[in-house]
């Protein structure tokens, strides 16, 4: 039996889960309910693939990019580093992370929130400066994650950090919950679903002690 500790870093998903204004929230209704005539409960769920903890697919920011179901799983499993850069708003710049890049595994997750916002929307949250993605690429990072709704500011129309991700063919996890995870190195497991035409996919993201 393994003695490795697990951290669940996924947001709970329900009708209170926040979404970008205009995006499709989580809703659920029952198609069948258990009764004398029916042996099971079966529900119908509608949601944006960006609700809760999710992996962006290149199709999200590139009309010619791959959909979630066509992504290699390799970037989504393996050694990672959790870095704490606690701030309620603003950009994360290269000098915020440069000191933590020595011998960094190829996956980096950033905790910016004292407490991740999992039940209410706010357009105020931390995100990445595009030049930070340049630095991460130079250090061989293949996946980045953050505990906010986006790696770009909410009001951005150019999505410069997403465009850097496209340029470097990196992978992205958003809406992580890192409240109780100490800074350090772990094994990440956060596999996207095989949604063949989707622009993102929910993940059940966990960290495991090395």
Protein backbone atom coordinates (compact mmCIF):
# COMPACT_ATOMS: atom_id res chain seq x y z
CA UNK A 1 0.00 0.00 0.00
CA UNK A 2 1.32 3.44 -0.93
CA UNK A 3 2.11 5.90 1.85
CA UNK A 4 2.03 8.86 -0.51
CA UNK A 5 -0.15 11.78 0.57
CA UNK A 6 -2.79 13.12 -1.80
CA UNK A 7 -4.08 16.67 -2.22
CA UNK A 8 -7.29 17.21 -4.17
CA UNK A 9 -6.76 20.53 -5.98
CA UNK A 10 -10.05 20.51 -7.90
CA UNK A 11 -12.88 22.96 -7.37
CA UNK A 12 -16.27 21.55 -6.40
CA UNK A 13 -18.75 22.01 -9.26
CA UNK A 14 -22.40 22.89 -8.69
CA UNK A 15 -24.90 25.60 -9.54
CA UNK A 16 -22.86 28.12 -7.52
CA UNK A 17 -19.69 27.62 -9.58
CA UNK A 18 -18.68 30.96 -11.13
CA UNK A 19 -18.26 31.49 -14.87
CA UNK A 20 -17.14 34.38 -17.04
CA UNK A 21 -20.13 36.67 -17.69
CA UNK A 22 -22.08 35.25 -20.62
CA UNK A 23 -20.58 31.75 -20.38
CA UNK A 24 -22.76 28.71 -19.67
CA UNK A 25 -23.13 27.91 -15.96
CA UNK A 26 -23.63 24.46 -14.48
CA UNK A 27 -27.23 23.24 -14.49
CA UNK A 28 -28.61 19.81 -13.75
CA UNK A 29 -32.01 18.22 -14.14
CA UNK A 30 -33.24 14.68 -13.65
CA UNK A 31 -34.20 12.70 -16.73
CA UNK A 32 -35.17 9.64 -14.69
CA UNK A 33 -35.74 9.25 -10.96
CA UNK A 34 -35.82 6.06 -8.98
CA UNK A 35 -39.29 4.66 -8.40
CA UNK A 36 -41.24 1.44 -8.59
CA UNK A 37 -41.16 1.80 -12.38
CA UNK A 38 -37.54 3.00 -12.70
CA UNK A 39 -34.53 1.39 -10.98
CA UNK A 40 -32.08 4.31 -11.37
CA UNK A 41 -31.52 8.06 -11.12
CA UNK A 42 -30.14 9.62 -14.33
CA UNK A 43 -29.45 13.33 -14.75
CA UNK A 44 -28.81 15.71 -17.62
CA UNK A 45 -25.99 18.21 -17.08
CA UNK A 46 -25.30 21.39 -19.07
CA UNK A 47 -22.16 23.45 -18.56
CA UNK A 48 -19.29 25.26 -20.21
CA UNK A 49 -16.13 23.12 -20.25
CA UNK A 50 -14.48 26.06 -18.46
CA UNK A 51 -16.57 25.60 -15.30
CA UNK A 52 -14.48 24.54 -12.32
CA UNK A 53 -10.97 23.15 -12.62
CA UNK A 54 -10.23 22.58 -16.27
CA UNK A 55 -7.61 22.23 -18.97
CA UNK A 56 -7.72 24.66 -21.88
CA UNK A 57 -7.30 23.09 -25.30
CA UNK A 58 -5.49 25.02 -28.06
CA UNK A 59 -8.86 25.26 -29.83
CA UNK A 60 -9.91 27.69 -27.10
CA UNK A 61 -7.54 30.39 -28.38
CA UNK A 62 -6.68 29.12 -31.89
CA UNK A 63 -9.39 28.20 -34.39
CA UNK A 64 -6.98 25.74 -35.98
CA UNK A 65 -5.80 24.32 -32.65
CA UNK A 66 -6.39 20.85 -31.27
CA UNK A 67 -9.50 20.04 -29.28
CA UNK A 68 -9.32 18.59 -25.78
CA UNK A 69 -9.83 15.00 -26.87
CA UNK A 70 -6.82 15.10 -29.18
CA UNK A 71 -4.30 16.31 -26.60
CA UNK A 72 -1.43 14.15 -25.43
CA UNK A 73 -1.86 13.23 -21.77
CA UNK A 74 1.89 13.42 -21.10
CA UNK A 75 1.97 17.08 -19.96
CA UNK A 76 -0.86 16.46 -17.50
CA UNK A 77 0.88 13.84 -15.39
CA UNK A 78 4.31 14.00 -13.77
CA UNK A 79 6.52 16.06 -11.44
CA UNK A 80 5.45 19.63 -10.77
CA UNK A 81 6.28 22.55 -8.51
CA UNK A 82 3.75 24.56 -6.48
CA UNK A 83 4.77 28.19 -6.02
CA UNK A 84 3.01 30.69 -3.73
CA UNK A 85 2.69 34.23 -5.13
CA UNK A 86 -0.15 35.58 -3.04
CA UNK A 87 -1.86 38.59 -4.57
CA UNK A 88 -5.49 39.46 -5.15
CA UNK A 89 -4.99 41.14 -8.51
CA UNK A 90 -2.41 42.11 -11.10
CA UNK A 91 0.14 40.36 -13.22
CA UNK A 92 2.71 37.76 -12.20
CA UNK A 93 6.03 38.94 -13.64
CA UNK A 94 9.27 37.06 -14.36
CA UNK A 95 10.97 38.42 -11.23
CA UNK A 96 8.14 36.91 -9.16
CA UNK A 97 9.09 33.40 -10.23
CA UNK A 98 12.74 33.60 -11.29
CA UNK A 99 14.05 32.59 -7.86
CA UNK A 100 12.01 29.39 -7.88
CA UNK A 101 13.08 28.08 -11.28
CA UNK A 102 16.28 26.28 -10.27
CA UNK A 103 15.84 22.57 -11.04
CA UNK A 104 12.13 23.17 -11.55
CA UNK A 105 10.12 20.22 -12.87
CA UNK A 106 8.43 20.78 -16.24
CA UNK A 107 5.09 21.71 -14.65
CA UNK A 108 4.45 24.79 -12.51
CA UNK A 109 1.32 25.59 -10.49
CA UNK A 110 0.88 29.03 -8.93
CA UNK A 111 -1.17 29.72 -5.85
CA UNK A 112 -2.24 33.37 -5.87
CA UNK A 113 -5.30 33.26 -3.59
CA UNK A 114 -5.48 33.01 0.17
CA UNK A 115 -8.72 31.18 -0.58
CA UNK A 116 -9.73 30.16 -4.09
CA UNK A 117 -13.00 31.69 -5.28
CA UNK A 118 -15.15 28.65 -6.03
CA UNK A 119 -18.66 30.06 -5.50
CA UNK A 120 -18.69 33.66 -6.76
CA UNK A 121 -17.43 35.52 -9.82
CA UNK A 122 -14.98 38.40 -9.61
CA UNK A 123 -13.19 40.05 -12.50
CA UNK A 124 -10.33 40.84 -10.11
CA UNK A 125 -7.74 38.07 -10.01
CA UNK A 126 -4.06 37.42 -10.63
CA UNK A 127 -2.82 36.36 -14.07
CA UNK A 128 0.44 36.00 -15.98
CA UNK A 129 2.39 38.70 -17.79
CA UNK A 130 3.24 37.36 -21.27
CA UNK A 131 6.97 37.76 -20.63
CA UNK A 132 6.59 35.34 -17.72
CA UNK A 133 5.55 32.69 -20.21
CA UNK A 134 8.73 33.45 -22.16
CA UNK A 135 10.80 32.73 -19.05
CA UNK A 136 8.88 29.54 -18.27
CA UNK A 137 9.41 28.29 -21.80
CA UNK A 138 13.14 28.98 -21.47
CA UNK A 139 13.15 26.72 -18.40
CA UNK A 140 11.40 23.88 -20.22
CA UNK A 141 7.99 24.26 -18.59
CA UNK A 142 5.34 22.31 -20.54
CA UNK A 143 2.32 23.01 -18.32
CA UNK A 144 1.29 25.90 -16.11
CA UNK A 145 -1.61 26.14 -13.71
CA UNK A 146 -3.19 28.86 -11.59
CA UNK A 147 -5.96 29.12 -9.00
CA UNK A 148 -7.85 31.81 -10.93
CA UNK A 149 -10.24 31.71 -13.92
CA UNK A 150 -7.64 32.65 -16.53
CA UNK A 151 -3.95 33.13 -17.23
CA UNK A 152 -4.93 36.49 -18.79
CA UNK A 153 -6.74 39.39 -17.09
CA UNK A 154 -10.54 39.21 -17.25
CA UNK A 155 -10.80 42.32 -19.44
CA UNK A 156 -8.11 41.29 -21.94
CA UNK A 157 -9.16 41.07 -25.58
CA UNK A 158 -5.72 40.24 -26.96
CA UNK A 159 -5.10 37.29 -24.59
CA UNK A 160 -1.35 37.77 -24.87
CA UNK A 161 -0.49 35.03 -22.38
CA UNK A 162 -2.76 32.57 -24.15
CA UNK A 163 -1.03 33.49 -27.39
CA UNK A 164 2.34 32.76 -25.80
CA UNK A 165 0.96 29.39 -24.74
CA UNK A 166 -0.09 28.77 -28.33
CA UNK A 167 3.36 29.78 -29.59
CA UNK A 168 5.15 27.46 -27.15
CA UNK A 169 2.59 24.61 -27.32
CA UNK A 170 2.26 24.62 -23.53
CA UNK A 171 -0.73 23.33 -21.59
CA UNK A 172 -2.89 25.25 -19.12
CA UNK A 173 -4.86 24.38 -15.99
CA UNK A 174 -7.18 27.03 -14.54
CA UNK A 175 -9.41 27.31 -11.46
CA UNK A 176 -7.16 25.13 -9.32
CA UNK A 177 -7.65 25.04 -5.54
CA UNK A 178 -4.26 25.27 -3.85
CA UNK A 179 -5.37 26.74 -0.51
CA UNK A 180 -3.92 23.96 1.62
CA UNK A 181 -0.96 22.90 -0.51
CA UNK A 182 2.48 23.89 0.83
CA UNK A 183 4.96 25.26 -1.68
CA UNK A 184 7.18 22.50 -3.01
CA UNK A 185 7.47 19.66 -5.50
CA UNK A 186 4.81 17.01 -6.14
CA UNK A 187 3.46 14.62 -8.73
CA UNK A 188 0.56 16.12 -10.70
CA UNK A 189 -2.27 14.06 -12.16
CA UNK A 190 -4.89 16.15 -14.00
CA UNK A 191 -6.15 14.27 -17.04
CA UNK A 192 -8.57 15.94 -19.49
CA UNK A 193 -11.55 13.99 -20.75
CA UNK A 194 -11.57 12.62 -24.29
CA UNK A 195 -13.99 15.29 -25.54
CA UNK A 196 -13.13 15.13 -29.23
CA UNK A 197 -14.39 18.55 -30.33
CA UNK A 198 -14.29 20.56 -27.06
CA UNK A 199 -12.28 23.75 -26.48
CA UNK A 200 -11.54 22.69 -22.88
CA UNK A 201 -12.14 19.81 -20.51
CA UNK A 202 -12.90 19.42 -16.82
CA UNK A 203 -10.18 17.64 -14.87
CA UNK A 204 -10.06 16.02 -11.44
CA UNK A 205 -6.68 17.40 -10.49
CA UNK A 206 -4.67 15.90 -7.67
CA UNK A 207 -1.17 16.22 -6.28
CA UNK A 208 0.72 13.29 -4.81
CA UNK A 209 3.79 13.48 -2.63
CA UNK A 210 6.97 12.36 -4.35
